[in-house]
Protein backbone atom coordinates (compact mmCIF):
# COMPACT_ATOMS: atom_id res chain seq x y z
CA MET A 1 138.16 130.10 155.79
CA LYS A 2 135.94 132.61 157.89
CA ASN A 3 132.86 130.32 157.17
CA GLN A 4 134.44 127.14 158.17
CA THR A 5 133.76 125.32 161.42
CA SER A 6 136.47 126.13 163.98
CA VAL A 7 138.15 123.36 165.98
CA SER A 8 140.35 123.63 169.01
CA ILE A 9 143.15 121.10 169.73
CA ILE A 10 143.66 121.07 173.58
CA ILE A 11 147.24 119.70 174.65
CA PRO A 12 147.98 119.67 178.33
CA ALA A 13 151.81 119.10 178.62
CA TYR A 14 153.97 118.18 181.52
CA ASN A 15 157.65 117.26 181.16
CA ALA A 16 157.00 116.45 177.62
CA GLU A 17 160.35 117.61 175.89
CA LYS A 18 160.91 114.13 174.45
CA TRP A 19 157.63 114.00 172.22
CA ILE A 20 155.93 117.45 172.51
CA GLU A 21 157.45 118.65 168.94
CA ARG A 22 156.07 115.48 167.15
CA CYS A 23 152.62 116.25 168.90
CA ILE A 24 152.57 119.87 167.78
CA LYS A 25 153.79 119.11 164.26
CA SER A 26 150.95 116.74 163.78
CA CYS A 27 148.57 119.52 164.69
CA ILE A 28 150.34 122.21 162.43
CA ASN A 29 150.08 119.75 159.47
CA GLN A 30 146.48 119.08 159.68
CA THR A 31 144.73 119.20 156.06
CA TYR A 32 141.82 121.12 157.77
CA LYS A 33 143.24 124.49 158.47
CA ASN A 34 140.70 126.42 160.50
CA ILE A 35 142.12 125.23 164.04
CA GLU A 36 143.50 126.70 166.99
CA ILE A 37 146.07 124.76 169.00
CA ILE A 38 145.95 125.38 172.69
CA ILE A 39 148.89 124.05 174.49
CA ILE A 40 148.90 124.33 178.29
CA ASN A 41 152.39 123.74 179.90
CA ASP A 42 151.34 122.37 183.28
CA GLY A 43 154.56 123.31 185.31
CA SER A 44 156.99 121.24 183.33
CA GLN A 45 160.49 121.22 184.79
CA ASP A 46 162.30 120.29 181.52
CA ASN A 47 162.70 122.06 178.19
CA THR A 48 158.97 121.93 177.23
CA ASP A 49 158.46 125.72 177.72
CA GLU A 50 161.36 126.54 175.21
CA LEU A 51 160.08 124.09 172.54
CA CYS A 52 156.56 125.40 172.85
CA GLN A 53 157.76 128.87 172.59
CA TYR A 54 159.57 128.13 169.38
CA TYR A 55 156.43 126.82 167.62
CA VAL A 56 154.46 129.60 168.87
CA SER A 57 156.82 131.86 166.87
CA MET A 58 156.09 129.67 163.91
CA ASP A 59 152.50 129.45 163.78
CA ASN A 60 149.81 132.00 164.80
CA ARG A 61 147.37 129.45 165.44
CA ILE A 62 149.22 128.31 168.53
CA ILE A 63 147.78 129.64 171.90
CA TYR A 64 150.28 128.86 174.58
CA LYS A 65 150.05 129.09 178.37
CA ASN A 66 152.64 128.38 180.88
CA ILE A 67 151.09 127.50 184.59
CA ASP A 68 152.19 126.16 187.71
CA ASN A 69 151.25 122.50 188.11
CA VAL A 70 147.51 121.77 188.54
CA GLY A 71 147.04 118.35 186.79
CA VAL A 72 146.02 117.14 183.55
CA SER A 73 142.32 117.59 184.15
CA ASN A 74 142.62 121.22 185.28
CA ALA A 75 145.04 121.97 182.41
CA ARG A 76 142.35 120.73 179.95
CA LYS A 77 139.70 122.73 181.75
CA LEU A 78 141.81 125.89 181.23
CA GLY A 79 142.22 125.06 177.55
CA LEU A 80 138.58 124.54 177.26
CA ASP A 81 137.85 127.83 178.90
CA ILE A 82 140.23 129.51 176.18
CA SER A 83 138.77 127.69 173.33
CA ASN A 84 136.82 129.92 170.91
CA SER A 85 135.83 127.13 168.57
CA SER A 86 132.68 125.15 167.99
CA TYR A 87 134.49 121.68 168.29
CA VAL A 88 137.22 120.35 170.75
CA LEU A 89 139.60 117.56 170.43
CA PHE A 90 141.89 116.58 173.24
CA LEU A 91 145.39 115.49 172.46
CA ASP A 92 147.91 114.12 175.09
CA SER A 93 151.37 115.58 174.70
CA ASP A 94 153.06 112.24 174.00
CA ASP A 95 150.54 111.31 171.31
CA TYR A 96 149.97 112.62 167.81
CA ILE A 97 147.34 112.54 165.21
CA ASN A 98 147.09 111.69 161.56
CA ASN A 99 147.34 114.61 159.21
CA ASP A 100 143.66 114.23 158.11
CA CYS A 101 142.15 113.81 161.68
CA ILE A 102 140.43 116.88 161.99
CA GLU A 103 139.10 116.75 158.16
CA ILE A 104 137.66 113.36 158.65
CA LEU A 105 136.06 113.83 162.15
CA LEU A 106 134.54 117.23 161.23
CA SER A 107 132.95 115.61 158.13
CA TYR A 108 130.31 114.27 160.63
CA LYS A 109 129.82 117.42 162.55
CA ASP A 110 126.02 117.08 162.78
CA TYR A 111 126.89 114.70 165.83
CA ASP A 112 127.69 115.98 169.48
CA LEU A 113 130.48 113.35 169.55
CA ILE A 114 132.32 111.78 166.65
CA ILE A 115 134.54 108.94 167.83
CA GLY A 116 137.50 107.79 165.56
CA GLN A 117 139.65 104.75 165.88
CA ALA A 118 143.30 104.85 167.23
CA ASN A 119 146.47 102.97 166.74
CA TYR A 120 148.53 102.02 169.79
CA VAL A 121 152.01 102.59 168.90
CA ASN A 122 155.61 102.25 170.29
CA ASN A 123 158.33 104.77 170.81
CA HIS A 124 159.53 104.06 167.25
CA ASN A 125 156.01 104.75 165.64
CA GLU A 126 155.41 101.09 165.02
CA ILE A 127 151.88 99.94 165.32
CA LEU A 128 151.34 97.43 167.98
CA SER A 129 147.57 97.10 167.63
CA ASN A 130 144.56 99.27 167.19
CA THR A 131 141.03 100.05 168.80
CA LYS A 132 137.69 98.46 167.48
CA TYR A 133 135.07 100.97 168.95
CA GLU A 134 131.61 100.26 167.85
CA ILE A 135 127.97 100.81 168.64
CA LYS A 136 126.02 97.58 168.73
CA LYS A 137 122.65 97.50 170.47
CA ASN A 138 122.70 101.02 171.53
CA ILE A 139 124.95 103.78 172.83
CA ILE A 140 124.68 102.90 176.62
CA SER A 141 124.80 99.14 176.27
CA SER A 142 128.02 99.49 174.09
CA TYR A 143 129.48 101.80 176.56
CA LEU A 144 128.83 99.79 179.60
CA ARG A 145 129.98 96.73 177.92
CA GLY A 146 133.46 98.36 176.88
CA LYS A 147 132.83 98.67 173.11
CA LEU A 148 133.50 102.49 173.38
CA PRO A 149 136.40 104.67 174.88
CA THR A 150 136.55 105.70 178.20
CA SER A 151 139.31 108.33 177.69
CA LEU A 152 138.59 111.48 175.96
CA TRP A 153 140.55 110.50 172.83
CA PRO A 154 140.06 109.94 170.07
CA ILE A 155 136.89 111.82 170.06
CA LEU A 156 135.83 115.32 168.61
CA PHE A 157 133.49 116.92 170.87
CA LYS A 158 130.97 119.62 170.16
CA LYS A 159 132.22 122.33 172.63
CA LYS A 160 128.78 123.03 174.04
CA ILE A 161 128.41 119.58 175.36
CA LEU A 162 131.96 120.01 177.25
CA ASP A 163 130.97 123.48 178.65
CA GLU A 164 128.08 121.76 180.35
CA GLU A 165 129.59 118.46 181.58
CA TYR A 166 133.40 118.99 181.98
CA LEU A 167 133.77 118.76 185.84
CA VAL A 168 137.06 118.60 187.56
CA SER A 169 137.04 116.01 190.31
CA ASN A 170 139.50 115.46 193.23
CA LEU A 171 140.61 112.01 191.84
CA LYS A 172 144.16 111.78 190.33
CA VAL A 173 143.17 108.92 187.83
CA SER A 174 140.21 107.96 185.72
CA GLU A 175 138.84 111.59 185.48
CA ASP A 176 138.22 111.14 181.73
CA PHE A 177 136.09 108.01 182.56
CA ILE A 178 133.77 110.14 184.81
CA ILE A 179 133.43 113.03 182.44
CA LEU A 180 132.70 110.96 179.44
CA SER A 181 130.07 108.79 181.28
CA ARG A 182 128.21 111.84 182.20
CA ILE A 183 128.25 112.96 178.62
CA ILE A 184 127.09 109.68 177.28
CA THR A 185 124.00 109.84 179.53
CA LYS A 186 123.25 113.26 178.25
CA THR A 187 123.38 112.75 174.30
CA LYS A 188 122.34 110.09 171.93
CA LYS A 189 123.98 112.10 168.89
CA ILE A 190 127.15 109.91 168.77
CA LYS A 191 128.73 108.50 165.73
CA VAL A 192 131.59 105.96 165.62
CA ILE A 193 133.61 105.75 162.42
CA ASN A 194 136.03 103.04 161.43
CA ASP A 195 138.79 105.63 160.30
CA LYS A 196 142.14 105.51 162.32
CA VAL A 197 142.94 109.19 163.08
CA TYR A 198 144.81 109.05 166.55
CA ASN A 199 148.10 107.42 167.86
CA GLN A 200 148.31 106.44 171.34
CA VAL A 201 152.05 105.91 172.25
CA ARG A 202 152.90 102.96 174.73
CA HIS A 203 156.03 103.74 176.54
CA ASN A 204 158.46 101.19 177.68
CA LEU A 205 158.00 102.07 181.49
CA SER A 206 158.12 99.99 184.54
CA THR A 207 154.68 98.25 185.26
CA THR A 208 154.70 99.09 189.02
CA ALA A 209 156.58 102.39 188.92
CA ASN A 210 153.44 104.48 189.20
CA LEU A 211 151.29 102.27 191.09
CA THR A 212 150.16 103.24 194.52
CA ASN A 213 147.66 102.49 197.25
CA GLU A 214 145.90 105.94 196.64
CA LYS A 215 145.73 105.11 192.94
CA PHE A 216 144.14 101.82 193.38
CA ARG A 217 141.51 103.57 195.44
CA ASP A 218 141.02 106.38 193.02
CA HIS A 219 140.54 103.81 190.41
CA TYR A 220 138.04 102.10 192.44
CA ASN A 221 136.35 105.30 193.40
CA ALA A 222 136.05 106.50 189.82
CA HIS A 223 134.29 103.21 188.71
CA LYS A 224 131.82 103.53 191.59
CA LEU A 225 131.03 107.18 190.62
CA VAL A 226 130.41 106.05 187.08
CA GLU A 227 128.24 103.16 188.25
CA GLU A 228 126.29 105.64 190.19
CA ILE A 229 125.82 107.81 187.18
CA PHE A 230 124.43 105.16 185.21
CA THR A 231 122.13 103.28 187.96
CA SER A 232 120.70 106.65 188.72
CA LYS A 233 119.69 107.40 185.27
CA LEU A 234 119.01 103.93 183.68
CA ASN A 235 115.91 101.53 184.25
CA GLU A 236 115.85 97.77 184.58
CA ARG A 237 116.51 97.30 181.14
CA TYR A 238 120.23 98.01 181.61
CA LYS A 239 120.72 95.78 184.62
CA LYS A 240 122.75 93.08 182.86
CA ASP A 241 124.87 95.73 181.12
CA ILE A 242 125.74 97.39 184.52
CA ASP A 243 126.55 93.94 185.73
CA ILE A 244 128.89 93.28 182.83
CA PHE A 245 130.30 96.84 183.41
CA GLN A 246 131.25 95.83 187.16
CA LEU A 247 133.02 92.70 185.87
CA ASN A 248 135.00 94.81 183.48
CA HIS A 249 135.96 97.09 186.25
CA LEU A 250 137.08 94.20 188.38
CA TYR A 251 138.96 92.73 185.78
CA ASN A 252 140.75 95.93 184.66
CA LEU A 253 141.75 96.60 188.25
CA ILE A 254 143.30 93.21 188.67
CA VAL A 255 145.27 93.53 185.36
CA ILE A 256 146.50 97.04 186.20
CA PHE A 257 147.33 96.36 189.68
CA SER A 258 148.40 92.55 190.03
CA PRO A 259 152.11 93.40 189.70
CA TYR A 260 151.86 96.05 192.58
CA ILE A 261 149.73 93.74 194.74
CA LYS A 262 152.31 90.94 194.28
CA LEU A 263 155.33 93.22 195.19
CA HIS A 264 153.39 94.49 198.25
CA GLU A 265 151.31 91.67 199.42
CA LYS A 266 152.55 91.97 203.02
CA THR A 267 151.46 95.44 203.44
CA ILE A 268 148.75 96.34 201.01
CA ASN A 269 145.18 96.39 202.44
CA THR A 270 143.33 97.76 199.40
CA ARG A 271 143.23 94.02 197.83
CA ASN A 272 141.06 92.80 200.48
CA PHE A 273 139.01 95.92 200.45
CA PHE A 274 138.24 95.43 196.87
CA LEU A 275 137.42 91.72 196.76
CA LYS A 276 135.19 92.01 199.76
CA LYS A 277 132.87 94.49 197.74
CA HIS A 278 132.62 91.97 194.82
CA LEU A 279 132.28 88.41 196.53
CA ASN A 280 128.61 88.36 195.66
CA LYS A 281 129.39 88.58 191.96
CA LYS A 282 130.06 84.77 191.45
CA GLU A 283 126.61 84.19 189.76
CA ILE A 284 127.11 87.27 187.77
CA ILE A 285 130.53 85.87 186.59
CA ILE A 286 129.12 82.49 185.60
CA ASN A 287 126.29 83.71 183.57
CA THR A 288 128.49 86.24 181.68
CA LEU A 289 131.10 83.47 180.81
CA PHE A 290 128.26 81.86 178.92
CA PHE A 291 126.81 85.02 177.47
């Protein structure tokens, strides 16, 4: 095992007592054994610490840190700083990976990023749908057209790439999107495979419970940052791809925040703020509909 490539699985956890055991077990049971499981307990107020401590005593591959709350992006960065491995997989504490996840992804280790497919599952582990990531024309075009993930899962990263490009922002949402966009513009060695390796759990939570004015603006600002990343690095060849990216941005914000806007239509001011920015997109919308 000493000559095998090492992989770190980094798990930020916050109030995860309901699902952290399933998450940890999915790592412990990997068919590929040369892994380190780095758990960052990000100031949990429930029994997450006790559950993690139990598994630390059961498996010496687990590295555990219990810290004050700093947010998921900073918790991941701490895990990255701790990592001693050549490759990194990020895993959310309420999600879990298939037993052969690392073995499958690592079989393509000549690439800087290996992107697997994910199942979307409910709280009873029933599959609701799955991802269909793919590279069509090229990496940049596929990413801007929504054919690749915008989160840090289900991806195996060469750690060197993350060390160079993982920068923590002051936004509370969409930080993954910004980080991954920076990486996408820096490397062409990306492989997309058809194997389903990751399970993302969809919880039955209220649609509007966590939606706020601030989060709306953070989503908007994150997308503007990503747009700037690409427009500053790409030539006229990608203009249509960037236009489509802007439309997807508009659509996603409407879908995510429409329940919130409806509930708060008398007081919310961000709807007008956003729409004014996109009033000049009518021609693009028409052309895209017939693309």
